[in-house]
């Protein structure tokens, strides 16, 4: 599934909810779907700076795509990480770098987060794009 198809699917899923409490509950449900990060990556080296809660992010190249895994000690943040991993994992580095993450605005995520969670969201996106940039440079694009 392409990056934009993943985003469109998420927008559709969130469109069934009218209020943000239902969307928060759905984020909590999504946090349970986040694949477990290998404990060896739950170190300071993989901790994302700029998040109020602890968020660990690991990326690796698998063939020609980037695979992400993440975890957080906060359930809502873990749900946000699950959305980002779902959209970006399994995509080519160039696609990660060249596509806008429009689902964030379309589902109202950033507007309905506290300022600290919103900063954390931006920090997660930034780190995921930095990984993609590094892998893109490594493969010579």
C-alpha atoms as a PDB file:
ATOM      1  CA  UNK A   1       0.000   0.000   0.000  1.00  0.00           C
ATOM      2  CA  UNK A   2       1.363   3.424  -0.889  1.00  0.00           C
ATOM      3  CA  UNK A   3       1.997   6.102   1.687  1.00  0.00           C
ATOM      4  CA  UNK A   4      -0.996   8.123   0.491  1.00  0.00           C
ATOM      5  CA  UNK A   5      -3.262   5.069   0.463  1.00  0.00           C
ATOM      6  CA  UNK A   6      -2.300   4.458   4.103  1.00  0.00           C
ATOM      7  CA  UNK A   7      -3.123   8.080   4.930  1.00  0.00           C
ATOM      8  CA  UNK A   8      -6.472   7.920   3.136  1.00  0.00           C
ATOM      9  CA  UNK A   9      -7.360   4.744   5.029  1.00  0.00           C
ATOM     10  CA  UNK A  10      -6.620   6.440   8.368  1.00  0.00           C
ATOM     11  CA  UNK A  11      -8.682   9.502   7.387  1.00  0.00           C
ATOM     12  CA  UNK A  12     -11.587   7.212   6.544  1.00  0.00           C
ATOM     13  CA  UNK A  13     -11.269   5.333   9.855  1.00  0.00           C
ATOM     14  CA  UNK A  14     -11.283   8.554  11.873  1.00  0.00           C
ATOM     15  CA  UNK A  15     -14.195  10.026   9.892  1.00  0.00           C
ATOM     16  CA  UNK A  16     -16.667   7.740  11.673  1.00  0.00           C
ATOM     17  CA  UNK A  17     -16.017   9.540  14.977  1.00  0.00           C
ATOM     18  CA  UNK A  18     -17.796  12.808  15.687  1.00  0.00           C
ATOM     19  CA  UNK A  19     -16.063  13.874  18.864  1.00  0.00           C
ATOM     20  CA  UNK A  20     -12.484  13.893  19.998  1.00  0.00           C
ATOM     21  CA  UNK A  21     -13.035  11.680  23.021  1.00  0.00           C
ATOM     22  CA  UNK A  22     -13.977   8.884  20.615  1.00  0.00           C
ATOM     23  CA  UNK A  23     -10.886   9.648  18.525  1.00  0.00           C
ATOM     24  CA  UNK A  24      -8.681   9.539  21.646  1.00  0.00           C
ATOM     25  CA  UNK A  25     -10.208   6.174  22.529  1.00  0.00           C
ATOM     26  CA  UNK A  26      -9.450   4.969  19.009  1.00  0.00           C
ATOM     27  CA  UNK A  27      -5.844   6.174  19.382  1.00  0.00           C
ATOM     28  CA  UNK A  28      -5.626   4.118  22.568  1.00  0.00           C
ATOM     29  CA  UNK A  29      -6.911   1.091  20.653  1.00  0.00           C
ATOM     30  CA  UNK A  30      -4.355   1.700  17.910  1.00  0.00           C
ATOM     31  CA  UNK A  31      -1.579   1.811  20.494  1.00  0.00           C
ATOM     32  CA  UNK A  32      -2.268  -1.861  21.168  1.00  0.00           C
ATOM     33  CA  UNK A  33      -1.527  -2.641  17.494  1.00  0.00           C
ATOM     34  CA  UNK A  34       1.963  -1.123  17.583  1.00  0.00           C
ATOM     35  CA  UNK A  35       4.439  -3.914  17.080  1.00  0.00           C
ATOM     36  CA  UNK A  36       6.696  -4.306  20.070  1.00  0.00           C
ATOM     37  CA  UNK A  37      10.077  -2.650  19.697  1.00  0.00           C
ATOM     38  CA  UNK A  38      13.040  -4.847  20.528  1.00  0.00           C
ATOM     39  CA  UNK A  39      14.004  -3.998  24.143  1.00  0.00           C
ATOM     40  CA  UNK A  40      17.606  -3.407  23.037  1.00  0.00           C
ATOM     41  CA  UNK A  41      16.358  -0.235  21.279  1.00  0.00           C
ATOM     42  CA  UNK A  42      14.682   1.182  24.374  1.00  0.00           C
ATOM     43  CA  UNK A  43      17.808   3.134  25.227  1.00  0.00           C
ATOM     44  CA  UNK A  44      18.809   6.788  25.372  1.00  0.00           C
ATOM     45  CA  UNK A  45      20.230   6.496  21.845  1.00  0.00           C
ATOM     46  CA  UNK A  46      16.770   5.841  20.355  1.00  0.00           C
ATOM     47  CA  UNK A  47      14.830   8.218  22.594  1.00  0.00           C
ATOM     48  CA  UNK A  48      13.228  11.090  20.675  1.00  0.00           C
ATOM     49  CA  UNK A  49      14.125  14.530  21.969  1.00  0.00           C
ATOM     50  CA  UNK A  50      11.229  16.969  22.235  1.00  0.00           C
ATOM     51  CA  UNK A  51       8.607  14.559  23.557  1.00  0.00           C
ATOM     52  CA  UNK A  52       7.235  15.046  27.050  1.00  0.00           C
ATOM     53  CA  UNK A  53       6.699  11.311  27.407  1.00  0.00           C
ATOM     54  CA  UNK A  54       9.337   8.785  26.473  1.00  0.00           C
ATOM     55  CA  UNK A  55       9.248   7.684  22.843  1.00  0.00           C
ATOM     56  CA  UNK A  56      11.758   5.289  21.364  1.00  0.00           C
ATOM     57  CA  UNK A  57      12.100   4.982  17.598  1.00  0.00           C
ATOM     58  CA  UNK A  58      14.198   2.533  15.608  1.00  0.00           C
ATOM     59  CA  UNK A  59      14.538   2.358  11.824  1.00  0.00           C
ATOM     60  CA  UNK A  60      16.290  -0.038   9.498  1.00  0.00           C
ATOM     61  CA  UNK A  61      16.439  -0.687   5.781  1.00  0.00           C
ATOM     62  CA  UNK A  62      14.802  -3.889   4.678  1.00  0.00           C
ATOM     63  CA  UNK A  63      15.405  -4.311   0.975  1.00  0.00           C
ATOM     64  CA  UNK A  64      14.579  -0.922  -0.528  1.00  0.00           C
ATOM     65  CA  UNK A  65      12.151   0.223   2.195  1.00  0.00           C
ATOM     66  CA  UNK A  66      12.484   1.669   5.686  1.00  0.00           C
ATOM     67  CA  UNK A  67      10.966  -0.321   8.558  1.00  0.00           C
ATOM     68  CA  UNK A  68      10.173   1.576  11.740  1.00  0.00           C
ATOM     69  CA  UNK A  69       9.392   0.302  15.197  1.00  0.00           C
ATOM     70  CA  UNK A  70       8.493   2.473  18.168  1.00  0.00           C
ATOM     71  CA  UNK A  71       7.223   2.475  21.719  1.00  0.00           C
ATOM     72  CA  UNK A  72       6.155   5.015  24.308  1.00  0.00           C
ATOM     73  CA  UNK A  73       5.426   5.058  28.010  1.00  0.00           C
ATOM     74  CA  UNK A  74       2.275   7.140  27.350  1.00  0.00           C
ATOM     75  CA  UNK A  75      -0.750   5.475  25.773  1.00  0.00           C
ATOM     76  CA  UNK A  76      -1.946   8.389  23.574  1.00  0.00           C
ATOM     77  CA  UNK A  77       1.602   9.027  22.368  1.00  0.00           C
ATOM     78  CA  UNK A  78       1.955   5.335  21.618  1.00  0.00           C
ATOM     79  CA  UNK A  79      -1.217   5.553  19.497  1.00  0.00           C
ATOM     80  CA  UNK A  80       0.225   8.517  17.592  1.00  0.00           C
ATOM     81  CA  UNK A  81       3.443   6.546  17.034  1.00  0.00           C
ATOM     82  CA  UNK A  82       1.353   3.613  15.789  1.00  0.00           C
ATOM     83  CA  UNK A  83      -0.261   5.882  13.161  1.00  0.00           C
ATOM     84  CA  UNK A  84       3.095   7.226  11.995  1.00  0.00           C
ATOM     85  CA  UNK A  85       4.650   3.762  11.836  1.00  0.00           C
ATOM     86  CA  UNK A  86       1.634   2.496   9.905  1.00  0.00           C
ATOM     87  CA  UNK A  87       1.943   5.254   7.299  1.00  0.00           C
ATOM     88  CA  UNK A  88       5.733   5.420   6.946  1.00  0.00           C
ATOM     89  CA  UNK A  89       6.997   1.899   7.634  1.00  0.00           C
ATOM     90  CA  UNK A  90       7.498  -0.168   4.511  1.00  0.00           C
ATOM     91  CA  UNK A  91       7.940   2.891   2.289  1.00  0.00           C
ATOM     92  CA  UNK A  92      10.950   3.882   0.204  1.00  0.00           C
ATOM     93  CA  UNK A  93      13.092   6.638   1.768  1.00  0.00           C
ATOM     94  CA  UNK A  94      12.420   9.009  -1.146  1.00  0.00           C
ATOM     95  CA  UNK A  95       8.656   8.512  -0.765  1.00  0.00           C
ATOM     96  CA  UNK A  96       8.880   9.307   2.953  1.00  0.00           C
ATOM     97  CA  UNK A  97      10.796  12.486   2.182  1.00  0.00           C
ATOM     98  CA  UNK A  98       8.706  13.630  -0.778  1.00  0.00           C
ATOM     99  CA  UNK A  99       5.189  13.083   0.545  1.00  0.00           C
ATOM    100  CA  UNK A 100       3.309  15.369   2.881  1.00  0.00           C
ATOM    101  CA  UNK A 101       1.723  13.736   5.934  1.00  0.00           C
ATOM    102  CA  UNK A 102      -1.684  15.295   5.270  1.00  0.00           C
ATOM    103  CA  UNK A 103      -3.613  12.820   7.413  1.00  0.00           C
ATOM    104  CA  UNK A 104      -2.438  14.627  10.567  1.00  0.00           C
ATOM    105  CA  UNK A 105      -4.431  17.756   9.639  1.00  0.00           C
ATOM    106  CA  UNK A 106      -7.307  15.906   7.964  1.00  0.00           C
ATOM    107  CA  UNK A 107      -8.158  13.943  11.119  1.00  0.00           C
ATOM    108  CA  UNK A 108      -7.574  17.027  13.305  1.00  0.00           C
ATOM    109  CA  UNK A 109      -4.816  15.352  15.261  1.00  0.00           C
ATOM    110  CA  UNK A 110      -2.428  18.240  15.776  1.00  0.00           C
ATOM    111  CA  UNK A 111      -5.227  20.727  16.545  1.00  0.00           C
ATOM    112  CA  UNK A 112      -6.627  18.482  19.288  1.00  0.00           C
ATOM    113  CA  UNK A 113      -3.403  17.642  21.080  1.00  0.00           C
ATOM    114  CA  UNK A 114      -1.956  19.514  24.007  1.00  0.00           C
ATOM    115  CA  UNK A 115       0.990  21.738  23.023  1.00  0.00           C
ATOM    116  CA  UNK A 116       3.471  19.261  24.522  1.00  0.00           C
ATOM    117  CA  UNK A 117       1.935  16.295  22.667  1.00  0.00           C
ATOM    118  CA  UNK A 118       1.833  18.345  19.476  1.00  0.00           C
ATOM    119  CA  UNK A 119       5.553  19.082  19.881  1.00  0.00           C
ATOM    120  CA  UNK A 120       6.113  15.367  20.439  1.00  0.00           C
ATOM    121  CA  UNK A 121       4.230  14.538  17.243  1.00  0.00           C
ATOM    122  CA  UNK A 122       6.408  16.955  15.281  1.00  0.00           C
ATOM    123  CA  UNK A 123       9.547  15.511  16.906  1.00  0.00           C
ATOM    124  CA  UNK A 124       8.506  11.970  15.903  1.00  0.00           C
ATOM    125  CA  UNK A 125       7.843  13.028  12.298  1.00  0.00           C
ATOM    126  CA  UNK A 126      11.157  14.892  12.173  1.00  0.00           C
ATOM    127  CA  UNK A 127      13.104  11.879  13.468  1.00  0.00           C
ATOM    128  CA  UNK A 128      11.396   9.499  11.046  1.00  0.00           C
ATOM    129  CA  UNK A 129      12.234  11.818   8.141  1.00  0.00           C
ATOM    130  CA  UNK A 130      15.842  12.111   9.359  1.00  0.00           C
ATOM    131  CA  UNK A 131      16.155   8.328   9.250  1.00  0.00           C
ATOM    132  CA  UNK A 132      14.664   8.337   5.735  1.00  0.00           C
ATOM    133  CA  UNK A 133      17.076  11.078   4.680  1.00  0.00           C
ATOM    134  CA  UNK A 134      20.059   9.101   5.970  1.00  0.00           C
ATOM    135  CA  UNK A 135      18.945   5.919   4.207  1.00  0.00           C
ATOM    136  CA  UNK A 136      18.173   7.858   1.028  1.00  0.00           C
ATOM    137  CA  UNK A 137      21.713   9.279   1.022  1.00  0.00           C
ATOM    138  CA  UNK A 138      23.151   5.844   1.750  1.00  0.00           C
ATOM    139  CA  UNK A 139      21.462   4.270  -1.288  1.00  0.00           C
ATOM    140  CA  UNK A 140      22.567   7.191  -3.442  1.00  0.00           C
ATOM    141  CA  UNK A 141      19.315   8.962  -4.300  1.00  0.00           C
END
